[in-house]
Amino acid sequence: MYDDACIHVVERTAFPLMGYTIRNASWRFTAFFPWDGAALAPVAPAVPRSVQLYDHRGDVPGGSGFEGADFYEDVNVAGAFPGVAEELLGALKAEFNIV
């Protein structure tokens, strides 16, 4: 169904968007930027097309690993925490040298 979206069958210069993700103890943040396939970098100035923020503050490690953690959180809370999303966008851009 999604074979044409798989990174293994689409030339890396042809992606319309590229997602970058960072994670800290409380949050996982992803920003999707328009992609410049010739430069293999986000289109400058890098303004995300969409963002995702996932709250992992309730994750509780347990047992011999992280069986109690919700590694697959699926509720995007970026709209509810705009300050956190903006802070993490800045950190993401700094980490990946995105301008």
PDB file of N, CA and C in Angstrom:
ATOM      1  N   MET A   1       0.819  -1.193   0.000  1.00  0.00           N
ATOM      2  CA  MET A   1       0.000   0.000   0.000  1.00  0.00           C
ATOM      3  C   MET A   1       0.867   1.263   0.000  1.00  0.00           C
ATOM      4  N   TYR A   2       1.963   1.271   0.797  1.00  0.00           N
ATOM      5  CA  TYR A   2       2.821   2.442   0.889  1.00  0.00           C
ATOM      6  C   TYR A   2       4.185   2.192   0.264  1.00  0.00           C
ATOM      7  N   ASP A   3       4.271   1.265  -0.654  1.00  0.00           N
ATOM      8  CA  ASP A   3       5.559   0.932  -1.255  1.00  0.00           C
ATOM      9  C   ASP A   3       6.232   2.134  -1.890  1.00  0.00           C
ATOM     10  N   ASP A   4       5.472   3.033  -2.485  1.00  0.00           N
ATOM     11  CA  ASP A   4       6.079   4.185  -3.143  1.00  0.00           C
ATOM     12  C   ASP A   4       6.599   5.226  -2.159  1.00  0.00           C
ATOM     13  N   ALA A   5       6.258   5.105  -0.879  1.00  0.00           N
ATOM     14  CA  ALA A   5       6.731   6.039   0.135  1.00  0.00           C
ATOM     15  C   ALA A   5       7.962   5.507   0.865  1.00  0.00           C
ATOM     16  N   CYS A   6       8.352   4.301   0.578  1.00  0.00           N
ATOM     17  CA  CYS A   6       9.468   3.679   1.275  1.00  0.00           C
ATOM     18  C   CYS A   6      10.783   4.299   0.824  1.00  0.00           C
ATOM     19  N   ILE A   7      11.652   4.583   1.770  1.00  0.00           N
ATOM     20  CA  ILE A   7      12.934   5.195   1.433  1.00  0.00           C
ATOM     21  C   ILE A   7      13.808   4.284   0.587  1.00  0.00           C
ATOM     22  N   HIS A   8      13.483   3.007   0.538  1.00  0.00           N
ATOM     23  CA  HIS A   8      14.287   2.070  -0.229  1.00  0.00           C
ATOM     24  C   HIS A   8      13.948   2.064  -1.715  1.00  0.00           C
ATOM     25  N   VAL A   9      12.835   2.674  -2.100  1.00  0.00           N
ATOM     26  CA  VAL A   9      12.450   2.673  -3.505  1.00  0.00           C
ATOM     27  C   VAL A   9      12.337   4.082  -4.091  1.00  0.00           C
ATOM     28  N   VAL A  10      12.578   5.094  -3.266  1.00  0.00           N
ATOM     29  CA  VAL A  10      12.519   6.479  -3.739  1.00  0.00           C
ATOM     30  C   VAL A  10      13.931   7.054  -3.655  1.00  0.00           C
ATOM     31  N   GLU A  11      14.399   7.602  -4.752  1.00  0.00           N
ATOM     32  CA  GLU A  11      15.720   8.241  -4.775  1.00  0.00           C
ATOM     33  C   GLU A  11      15.754   9.367  -3.741  1.00  0.00           C
ATOM     34  N   ARG A  12      16.830   9.452  -2.970  1.00  0.00           N
ATOM     35  CA  ARG A  12      16.888  10.431  -1.884  1.00  0.00           C
ATOM     36  C   ARG A  12      16.808  11.875  -2.355  1.00  0.00           C
ATOM     37  N   THR A  13      17.066  12.123  -3.622  1.00  0.00           N
ATOM     38  CA  THR A  13      16.918  13.477  -4.151  1.00  0.00           C
ATOM     39  C   THR A  13      15.462  13.814  -4.456  1.00  0.00           C
ATOM     40  N   ALA A  14      14.573  12.810  -4.418  1.00  0.00           N
ATOM     41  CA  ALA A  14      13.182  13.002  -4.823  1.00  0.00           C
ATOM     42  C   ALA A  14      12.211  13.157  -3.658  1.00  0.00           C
ATOM     43  N   PHE A  15      12.676  13.081  -2.429  1.00  0.00           N
ATOM     44  CA  PHE A  15      11.760  13.234  -1.301  1.00  0.00           C
ATOM     45  C   PHE A  15      11.172  14.639  -1.286  1.00  0.00           C
ATOM     46  N   PRO A  16       9.868  14.795  -1.092  1.00  0.00           N
ATOM     47  CA  PRO A  16       9.300  16.138  -0.983  1.00  0.00           C
ATOM     48  C   PRO A  16       9.546  16.748   0.400  1.00  0.00           C
ATOM     49  N   LEU A  17       9.626  15.899   1.422  1.00  0.00           N
ATOM     50  CA  LEU A  17       9.839  16.340   2.807  1.00  0.00           C
ATOM     51  C   LEU A  17      10.864  15.426   3.465  1.00  0.00           C
ATOM     52  N   MET A  18      11.548  15.964   4.476  1.00  0.00           N
ATOM     53  CA  MET A  18      12.449  15.147   5.285  1.00  0.00           C
ATOM     54  C   MET A  18      12.135  15.427   6.746  1.00  0.00           C
ATOM     55  N   GLY A  19      12.008  14.360   7.527  1.00  0.00           N
ATOM     56  CA  GLY A  19      11.729  14.497   8.943  1.00  0.00           C
ATOM     57  C   GLY A  19      12.987  14.356   9.767  1.00  0.00           C
ATOM     58  N   TYR A  20      13.117  15.216  10.756  1.00  0.00           N
ATOM     59  CA  TYR A  20      14.211  15.175  11.723  1.00  0.00           C
ATOM     60  C   TYR A  20      13.590  15.031  13.104  1.00  0.00           C
ATOM     61  N   THR A  21      14.199  14.205  13.958  1.00  0.00           N
ATOM     62  CA  THR A  21      13.647  13.931  15.282  1.00  0.00           C
ATOM     63  C   THR A  21      14.706  14.093  16.352  1.00  0.00           C
ATOM     64  N   ILE A  22      14.286  14.652  17.493  1.00  0.00           N
ATOM     65  CA  ILE A  22      15.117  14.650  18.686  1.00  0.00           C
ATOM     66  C   ILE A  22      14.277  14.138  19.840  1.00  0.00           C
ATOM     67  N   ARG A  23      14.954  13.691  20.881  1.00  0.00           N
ATOM     68  CA  ARG A  23      14.260  13.118  22.037  1.00  0.00           C
ATOM     69  C   ARG A  23      15.007  13.527  23.282  1.00  0.00           C
ATOM     70  N   ASN A  24      14.277  13.853  24.329  1.00  0.00           N
ATOM     71  CA  ASN A  24      14.877  14.019  25.647  1.00  0.00           C
ATOM     72  C   ASN A  24      14.086  13.156  26.617  1.00  0.00           C
ATOM     73  N   ALA A  25      14.322  13.301  27.901  1.00  0.00           N
ATOM     74  CA  ALA A  25      13.666  12.426  28.881  1.00  0.00           C
ATOM     75  C   ALA A  25      12.151  12.598  28.892  1.00  0.00           C
ATOM     76  N   SER A  26      11.656  13.758  28.465  1.00  0.00           N
ATOM     77  CA  SER A  26      10.224  14.040  28.552  1.00  0.00           C
ATOM     78  C   SER A  26       9.485  14.045  27.229  1.00  0.00           C
ATOM     79  N   TRP A  27      10.165  14.387  26.137  1.00  0.00           N
ATOM     80  CA  TRP A  27       9.487  14.635  24.872  1.00  0.00           C
ATOM     81  C   TRP A  27      10.217  14.002  23.700  1.00  0.00           C
ATOM     82  N   ARG A  28       9.444  13.686  22.659  1.00  0.00           N
ATOM     83  CA  ARG A  28       9.995  13.329  21.346  1.00  0.00           C
ATOM     84  C   ARG A  28       9.395  14.321  20.358  1.00  0.00           C
ATOM     85  N   PHE A  29      10.266  14.988  19.596  1.00  0.00           N
ATOM     86  CA  PHE A  29       9.840  16.047  18.695  1.00  0.00           C
ATOM     87  C   PHE A  29      10.333  15.741  17.289  1.00  0.00           C
ATOM     88  N   THR A  30       9.449  15.863  16.310  1.00  0.00           N
ATOM     89  CA  THR A  30       9.801  15.661  14.904  1.00  0.00           C
ATOM     90  C   THR A  30       9.308  16.854  14.102  1.00  0.00           C
ATOM     91  N   ALA A  31      10.168  17.333  13.208  1.00  0.00           N
ATOM     92  CA  ALA A  31       9.800  18.413  12.285  1.00  0.00           C
ATOM     93  C   ALA A  31      10.033  17.921  10.868  1.00  0.00           C
ATOM     94  N   PHE A  32       9.060  18.181   9.989  1.00  0.00           N
ATOM     95  CA  PHE A  32       9.150  17.792   8.582  1.00  0.00           C
ATOM     96  C   PHE A  32       9.377  19.047   7.743  1.00  0.00           C
ATOM     97  N   PHE A  33      10.532  19.090   7.070  1.00  0.00           N
ATOM     98  CA  PHE A  33      10.927  20.245   6.282  1.00  0.00           C
ATOM     99  C   PHE A  33      10.819  19.943   4.793  1.00  0.00           C
ATOM    100  N   PRO A  34      10.438  20.944   3.985  1.00  0.00           N
ATOM    101  CA  PRO A  34      10.558  20.776   2.531  1.00  0.00           C
ATOM    102  C   PRO A  34      12.015  20.430   2.208  1.00  0.00           C
ATOM    103  N   TRP A  35      12.219  19.501   1.283  1.00  0.00           N
ATOM    104  CA  TRP A  35      13.534  18.919   1.017  1.00  0.00           C
ATOM    105  C   TRP A  35      14.090  19.381  -0.319  1.00  0.00           C
ATOM    106  N   ASP A  36      15.331  19.837  -0.283  1.00  0.00           N
ATOM    107  CA  ASP A  36      16.052  20.215  -1.494  1.00  0.00           C
ATOM    108  C   ASP A  36      16.900  19.020  -1.903  1.00  0.00           C
ATOM    109  N   GLY A  37      16.403  18.252  -2.870  1.00  0.00           N
ATOM    110  CA  GLY A  37      17.090  17.033  -3.289  1.00  0.00           C
ATOM    111  C   GLY A  37      18.443  17.278  -3.911  1.00  0.00           C
ATOM    112  N   ALA A  38      18.641  18.427  -4.542  1.00  0.00           N
ATOM    113  CA  ALA A  38      19.942  18.728  -5.145  1.00  0.00           C
ATOM    114  C   ALA A  38      20.991  18.981  -4.070  1.00  0.00           C
ATOM    115  N   ALA A  39      20.605  19.674  -3.001  1.00  0.00           N
ATOM    116  CA  ALA A  39      21.532  19.986  -1.917  1.00  0.00           C
ATOM    117  C   ALA A  39      21.536  18.912  -0.835  1.00  0.00           C
ATOM    118  N   LEU A  40      20.561  18.001  -0.873  1.00  0.00           N
ATOM    119  CA  LEU A  40      20.357  17.004   0.180  1.00  0.00           C
ATOM    120  C   LEU A  40      20.299  17.678   1.549  1.00  0.00           C
ATOM    121  N   ALA A  41      19.448  18.703   1.606  1.00  0.00           N
ATOM    122  CA  ALA A  41      19.269  19.488   2.824  1.00  0.00           C
ATOM    123  C   ALA A  41      17.879  20.114   2.789  1.00  0.00           C
ATOM    124  N   PRO A  42      17.381  20.533   3.962  1.00  0.00           N
ATOM    125  CA  PRO A  42      16.107  21.247   3.955  1.00  0.00           C
ATOM    126  C   PRO A  42      16.198  22.521   3.134  1.00  0.00           C
ATOM    127  N   VAL A  43      15.080  22.892   2.496  1.00  0.00           N
ATOM    128  CA  VAL A  43      15.004  24.138   1.744  1.00  0.00           C
ATOM    129  C   VAL A  43      15.199  25.293   2.735  1.00  0.00           C
ATOM    130  N   ALA A  44      16.097  26.216   2.397  1.00  0.00           N
ATOM    131  CA  ALA A  44      16.348  27.369   3.257  1.00  0.00           C
ATOM    132  C   ALA A  44      15.486  28.537   2.798  1.00  0.00           C
ATOM    133  N   PRO A  45      14.951  29.315   3.724  1.00  0.00           N
ATOM    134  CA  PRO A  45      15.050  29.116   5.155  1.00  0.00           C
ATOM    135  C   PRO A  45      14.171  27.945   5.585  1.00  0.00           C
ATOM    136  N   ALA A  46      14.671  27.171   6.523  1.00  0.00           N
ATOM    137  CA  ALA A  46      14.008  25.937   6.941  1.00  0.00           C
ATOM    138  C   ALA A  46      12.820  26.230   7.843  1.00  0.00           C
ATOM    139  N   VAL A  47      11.641  26.143   7.261  1.00  0.00           N
ATOM    140  CA  VAL A  47      10.390  26.318   7.997  1.00  0.00           C
ATOM    141  C   VAL A  47       9.662  24.984   7.918  1.00  0.00           C
ATOM    142  N   PRO A  48       9.393  24.349   9.061  1.00  0.00           N
ATOM    143  CA  PRO A  48       8.758  23.033   8.995  1.00  0.00           C
ATOM    144  C   PRO A  48       7.365  23.094   8.394  1.00  0.00           C
ATOM    145  N   ARG A  49       7.057  22.091   7.588  1.00  0.00           N
ATOM    146  CA  ARG A  49       5.718  21.952   7.016  1.00  0.00           C
ATOM    147  C   ARG A  49       4.765  21.445   8.093  1.00  0.00           C
ATOM    148  N   SER A  50       5.274  20.575   8.958  1.00  0.00           N
ATOM    149  CA  SER A  50       4.475  20.088  10.084  1.00  0.00           C
ATOM    150  C   SER A  50       5.417  19.658  11.198  1.00  0.00           C
ATOM    151  N   VAL A  51       4.858  19.609  12.407  1.00  0.00           N
ATOM    152  CA  VAL A  51       5.638  19.160  13.565  1.00  0.00           C
ATOM    153  C   VAL A  51       4.812  18.172  14.369  1.00  0.00           C
ATOM    154  N   GLN A  52       5.526  17.334  15.085  1.00  0.00           N
ATOM    155  CA  GLN A  52       4.888  16.365  15.980  1.00  0.00           C
ATOM    156  C   GLN A  52       5.615  16.416  17.319  1.00  0.00           C
ATOM    157  N   LEU A  53       4.846  16.412  18.392  1.00  0.00           N
ATOM    158  CA  LEU A  53       5.400  16.405  19.739  1.00  0.00           C
ATOM    159  C   LEU A  53       4.692  15.313  20.525  1.00  0.00           C
ATOM    160  N   TYR A  54       5.475  14.433  21.114  1.00  0.00           N
ATOM    161  CA  TYR A  54       4.914  13.318  21.874  1.00  0.00           C
ATOM    162  C   TYR A  54       5.419  13.391  23.303  1.00  0.00           C
ATOM    163  N   ASP A  55       4.496  13.251  24.248  1.00  0.00           N
ATOM    164  CA  ASP A  55       4.760  13.390  25.679  1.00  0.00           C
ATOM    165  C   ASP A  55       5.159  12.034  26.256  1.00  0.00           C
ATOM    166  N   HIS A  56       6.380  11.945  26.735  1.00  0.00           N
ATOM    167  CA  HIS A  56       6.870  10.706  27.340  1.00  0.00           C
ATOM    168  C   HIS A  56       7.129  10.870  28.831  1.00  0.00           C
ATOM    169  N   ARG A  57       6.542  11.901  29.436  1.00  0.00           N
ATOM    170  CA  ARG A  57       6.766  12.130  30.861  1.00  0.00           C
ATOM    171  C   ARG A  57       6.167  11.027  31.720  1.00  0.00           C
ATOM    172  N   GLY A  58       5.193  10.302  31.209  1.00  0.00           N
ATOM    173  CA  GLY A  58       4.584   9.230  31.977  1.00  0.00           C
ATOM    174  C   GLY A  58       5.251   7.882  31.779  1.00  0.00           C
ATOM    175  N   ASP A  59       6.242   7.820  30.907  1.00  0.00           N
ATOM    176  CA  ASP A  59       6.940   6.552  30.677  1.00  0.00           C
ATOM    177  C   ASP A  59       7.684   6.150  31.947  1.00  0.00           C
ATOM    178  N   VAL A  60       7.525   4.903  32.331  1.00  0.00           N
ATOM    179  CA  VAL A  60       8.173   4.405  33.541  1.00  0.00           C
ATOM    180  C   VAL A  60       8.973   3.167  33.203  1.00  0.00           C
ATOM    181  N   PRO A  61      10.297   3.252  33.327  1.00  0.00           N
ATOM    182  CA  PRO A  61      11.098   2.051  33.074  1.00  0.00           C
ATOM    183  C   PRO A  61      10.732   0.966  34.082  1.00  0.00           C
ATOM    184  N   GLY A  62      10.755  -0.257  33.640  1.00  0.00           N
ATOM    185  CA  GLY A  62      10.436  -1.359  34.540  1.00  0.00           C
ATOM    186  C   GLY A  62      11.119  -2.631  34.092  1.00  0.00           C
ATOM    187  N   GLY A  63      11.287  -3.565  35.012  1.00  0.00           N
ATOM    188  CA  GLY A  63      11.898  -4.846  34.682  1.00  0.00           C
ATOM    189  C   GLY A  63      13.343  -4.688  34.244  1.00  0.00           C
ATOM    190  N   SER A  64      13.750  -5.527  33.319  1.00  0.00           N
ATOM    191  CA  SER A  64      15.130  -5.501  32.863  1.00  0.00           C
ATOM    192  C   SER A  64      15.345  -4.495  31.743  1.00  0.00           C
ATOM    193  N   GLY A  65      14.286  -3.878  31.280  1.00  0.00           N
ATOM    194  CA  GLY A  65      14.398  -2.909  30.192  1.00  0.00           C
ATOM    195  C   GLY A  65      13.418  -1.789  30.404  1.00  0.00           C
ATOM    196  N   PHE A  66      12.663  -1.453  29.382  1.00  0.00           N
ATOM    197  CA  PHE A  66      11.678  -0.387  29.472  1.00  0.00           C
ATOM    198  C   PHE A  66      10.290  -0.923  29.139  1.00  0.00           C
ATOM    199  N   GLU A  67       9.939  -2.073  29.709  1.00  0.00           N
ATOM    200  CA  GLU A  67       8.645  -2.679  29.415  1.00  0.00           C
ATOM    201  C   GLU A  67       7.487  -1.769  29.793  1.00  0.00           C
ATOM    202  N   GLY A  68       7.688  -0.896  30.793  1.00  0.00           N
ATOM    203  CA  GLY A  68       6.635   0.007  31.233  1.00  0.00           C
ATOM    204  C   GLY A  68       6.561   1.284  30.430  1.00  0.00           C
ATOM    205  N   ALA A  69       7.504   1.493  29.532  1.00  0.00           N
ATOM    206  CA  ALA A  69       7.527   2.732  28.763  1.00  0.00           C
ATOM    207  C   ALA A  69       6.600   2.644  27.554  1.00  0.00           C
ATOM    208  N   ASP A  70       6.028   3.765  27.204  1.00  0.00           N
ATOM    209  CA  ASP A  70       5.173   3.847  26.030  1.00  0.00           C
ATOM    210  C   ASP A  70       6.020   4.344  24.864  1.00  0.00           C
ATOM    211  N   PHE A  71       6.769   3.451  24.235  1.00  0.00           N
ATOM    212  CA  PHE A  71       7.651   3.837  23.140  1.00  0.00           C
ATOM    213  C   PHE A  71       6.878   4.222  21.887  1.00  0.00           C
ATOM    214  N   TYR A  72       5.624   3.883  21.816  1.00  0.00           N
ATOM    215  CA  TYR A  72       4.867   4.108  20.599  1.00  0.00           C
ATOM    216  C   TYR A  72       3.726   5.081  20.832  1.00  0.00           C
ATOM    217  N   GLU A  73       3.998   6.124  21.611  1.00  0.00           N
ATOM    218  CA  GLU A  73       3.009   7.154  21.869  1.00  0.00           C
ATOM    219  C   GLU A  73       2.484   7.685  20.536  1.00  0.00           C
ATOM    220  N   ASP A  74       1.176   7.831  20.429  1.00  0.00           N
ATOM    221  CA  ASP A  74       0.612   8.222  19.142  1.00  0.00           C
ATOM    222  C   ASP A  74      -0.300   9.447  19.201  1.00  0.00           C
ATOM    223  N   VAL A  75      -0.163  10.251  20.238  1.00  0.00           N
ATOM    224  CA  VAL A  75      -0.970  11.457  20.344  1.00  0.00           C
ATOM    225  C   VAL A  75      -0.052  12.669  20.168  1.00  0.00           C
ATOM    226  N   ASN A  76      -0.216  13.380  19.064  1.00  0.00           N
ATOM    227  CA  ASN A  76       0.585  14.559  18.784  1.00  0.00           C
ATOM    228  C   ASN A  76       0.047  15.717  19.631  1.00  0.00           C
ATOM    229  N   VAL A  77       0.850  16.193  20.590  1.00  0.00           N
ATOM    230  CA  VAL A  77       0.406  17.246  21.504  1.00  0.00           C
ATOM    231  C   VAL A  77       1.082  18.589  21.218  1.00  0.00           C
ATOM    232  N   ALA A  78       1.596  18.776  20.009  1.00  0.00           N
ATOM    233  CA  ALA A  78       2.287  20.021  19.664  1.00  0.00           C
ATOM    234  C   ALA A  78       1.378  21.241  19.856  1.00  0.00           C
ATOM    235  N   GLY A  79       0.113  21.116  19.510  1.00  0.00           N
ATOM    236  CA  GLY A  79      -0.814  22.229  19.668  1.00  0.00           C
ATOM    237  C   GLY A  79      -1.089  22.585  21.115  1.00  0.00           C
ATOM    238  N   ALA A  80      -0.989  21.612  21.989  1.00  0.00           N
ATOM    239  CA  ALA A  80      -1.247  21.843  23.407  1.00  0.00           C
ATOM    240  C   ALA A  80      -0.024  22.380  24.144  1.00  0.00           C
ATOM    241  N   PHE A  81       1.159  22.205  23.562  1.00  0.00           N
ATOM    242  CA  PHE A  81       2.397  22.640  24.201  1.00  0.00           C
ATOM    243  C   PHE A  81       3.260  23.426  23.204  1.00  0.00           C
ATOM    244  N   PRO A  82       2.757  24.568  22.714  1.00  0.00           N
ATOM    245  CA  PRO A  82       3.498  25.304  21.678  1.00  0.00           C
ATOM    246  C   PRO A  82       4.871  25.786  22.146  1.00  0.00           C
ATOM    247  N   GLY A  83       5.013  26.135  23.403  1.00  0.00           N
ATOM    248  CA  GLY A  83       6.304  26.580  23.914  1.00  0.00           C
ATOM    249  C   GLY A  83       7.341  25.473  23.888  1.00  0.00           C
ATOM    250  N   VAL A  84       6.923  24.268  24.259  1.00  0.00           N
ATOM    251  CA  VAL A  84       7.820  23.113  24.222  1.00  0.00           C
ATOM    252  C   VAL A  84       8.205  22.810  22.783  1.00  0.00           C
ATOM    253  N   ALA A  85       7.219  22.843  21.893  1.00  0.00           N
ATOM    254  CA  ALA A  85       7.494  22.565  20.480  1.00  0.00           C
ATOM    255  C   ALA A  85       8.480  23.584  19.911  1.00  0.00           C
ATOM    256  N   GLU A  86       8.313  24.848  20.230  1.00  0.00           N
ATOM    257  CA  GLU A  86       9.207  25.895  19.724  1.00  0.00           C
ATOM    258  C   GLU A  86      10.621  25.726  20.283  1.00  0.00           C
ATOM    259  N   GLU A  87      10.709  25.420  21.561  1.00  0.00           N
ATOM    260  CA  GLU A  87      12.025  25.195  22.184  1.00  0.00           C
ATOM    261  C   GLU A  87      12.738  24.006  21.537  1.00  0.00           C
ATOM    262  N   LEU A  88      12.014  22.926  21.332  1.00  0.00           N
ATOM    263  CA  LEU A  88      12.623  21.738  20.741  1.00  0.00           C
ATOM    264  C   LEU A  88      12.927  21.934  19.262  1.00  0.00           C
ATOM    265  N   LEU A  89      12.148  22.765  18.563  1.00  0.00           N
ATOM    266  CA  LEU A  89      12.477  23.086  17.178  1.00  0.00           C
ATOM    267  C   LEU A  89      13.828  23.790  17.124  1.00  0.00           C
ATOM    268  N   GLY A  90      14.051  24.723  18.023  1.00  0.00           N
ATOM    269  CA  GLY A  90      15.338  25.408  18.086  1.00  0.00           C
ATOM    270  C   GLY A  90      16.473  24.452  18.381  1.00  0.00           C
ATOM    271  N   ALA A  91      16.252  23.539  19.323  1.00  0.00           N
ATOM    272  CA  ALA A  91      17.284  22.550  19.662  1.00  0.00           C
ATOM    273  C   ALA A  91      17.556  21.617  18.489  1.00  0.00           C
ATOM    274  N   LEU A  92      16.499  21.217  17.792  1.00  0.00           N
ATOM    275  CA  LEU A  92      16.642  20.333  16.636  1.00  0.00           C
ATOM    276  C   LEU A  92      17.442  21.017  15.527  1.00  0.00           C
ATOM    277  N   LYS A  93      17.104  22.275  15.240  1.00  0.00           N
ATOM    278  CA  LYS A  93      17.819  23.002  14.194  1.00  0.00           C
ATOM    279  C   LYS A  93      19.293  23.169  14.558  1.00  0.00           C
ATOM    280  N   ALA A  94      19.573  23.429  15.821  1.00  0.00           N
ATOM    281  CA  ALA A  94      20.967  23.573  16.262  1.00  0.00           C
ATOM    282  C   ALA A  94      21.699  22.233  16.149  1.00  0.00           C
ATOM    283  N   GLU A  95      21.065  21.171  16.572  1.00  0.00           N
ATOM    284  CA  GLU A  95      21.703  19.850  16.563  1.00  0.00           C
ATOM    285  C   GLU A  95      22.035  19.392  15.144  1.00  0.00           C
ATOM    286  N   PHE A  96      21.137  19.635  14.206  1.00  0.00           N
ATOM    287  CA  PHE A  96      21.330  19.182  12.828  1.00  0.00           C
ATOM    288  C   PHE A  96      21.850  20.287  11.904  1.00  0.00           C
ATOM    289  N   ASN A  97      22.195  21.441  12.486  1.00  0.00           N
ATOM    290  CA  ASN A  97      22.733  22.571  11.710  1.00  0.00           C
ATOM    291  C   ASN A  97      21.798  22.937  10.555  1.00  0.00           C
ATOM    292  N   ILE A  98      20.519  23.104  10.872  1.00  0.00           N
ATOM    293  CA  ILE A  98      19.497  23.462   9.892  1.00  0.00           C
ATOM    294  C   ILE A  98      19.272  24.962   9.967  1.00  0.00           C
ATOM    295  N   VAL A  99      19.340  25.624   8.821  1.00  0.00           N
ATOM    296  CA  VAL A  99      19.171  27.088   8.801  1.00  0.00           C
ATOM    297  C   VAL A  99      17.929  27.475   8.016  1.00  0.00           C
TER     298      VAL A  99
END
